[in-house]
Structures are given as C-alpha cells and as structure tokens.
C-alpha cells in the first residue's frame, strides 16, 4: 500500500476550536521543533506549555500539545494529539514519519 504525505501549514492562525484529544505521539520537544518550528506559547489557563496547530491540505486540523505539566518536557514524552477525528493522529504520525503501533 502506498501512502501519500499531505502538505500542511503550522501555526498559521488556524483555529483549534472544536478539536479534542484523539491520541498520542511519542517524541521529543527538540524533534518537534526541528520538524515543525517553534511552538506557540502555552495556553492562558496553563494546561499546556507548548503546542502546535497543523492544518493539512484536506482541511484536517490537528494539534500537538503537552498537558498539565509545569514545564515543557525535553525527554521523550507522549505528546497529545487533538483533532475532530482519529484522522488527525494518522496525519500527524505520517507527517512526522512515526509509525503507528
């Protein structure tokens, strides 16, 4: 089976409204920054310290974020993935080159 990587934009002002937790991706903060660029600042309610919003060419919006930590994790961490469906998880894993188990 051939998979086609979709293009995506990161932190382009796309709203994450309506997304919710869909799954995890285990990686480091450094690897995310290398692939996605700097994170947005954490949320005003202090539930996240770093996050990214990705908008894929098919319109799928996905978020990658830490959750309820006092500081941004730098070691391997199970980053949360948000979206409106589990497709967000699949697209994030594909975009980052991480296989789903």
Foldseek 3Di string as FASTA:
>chain_A
DDDDQFDKAKPPVDDPPPKDWQFWDWDFPVLCCVQHNAFDADDPVQQFGGKMWIATPVGWIKMWTDGRDPHGGGHTDTTTMITNYNVSVVNVCVSSVHDDD
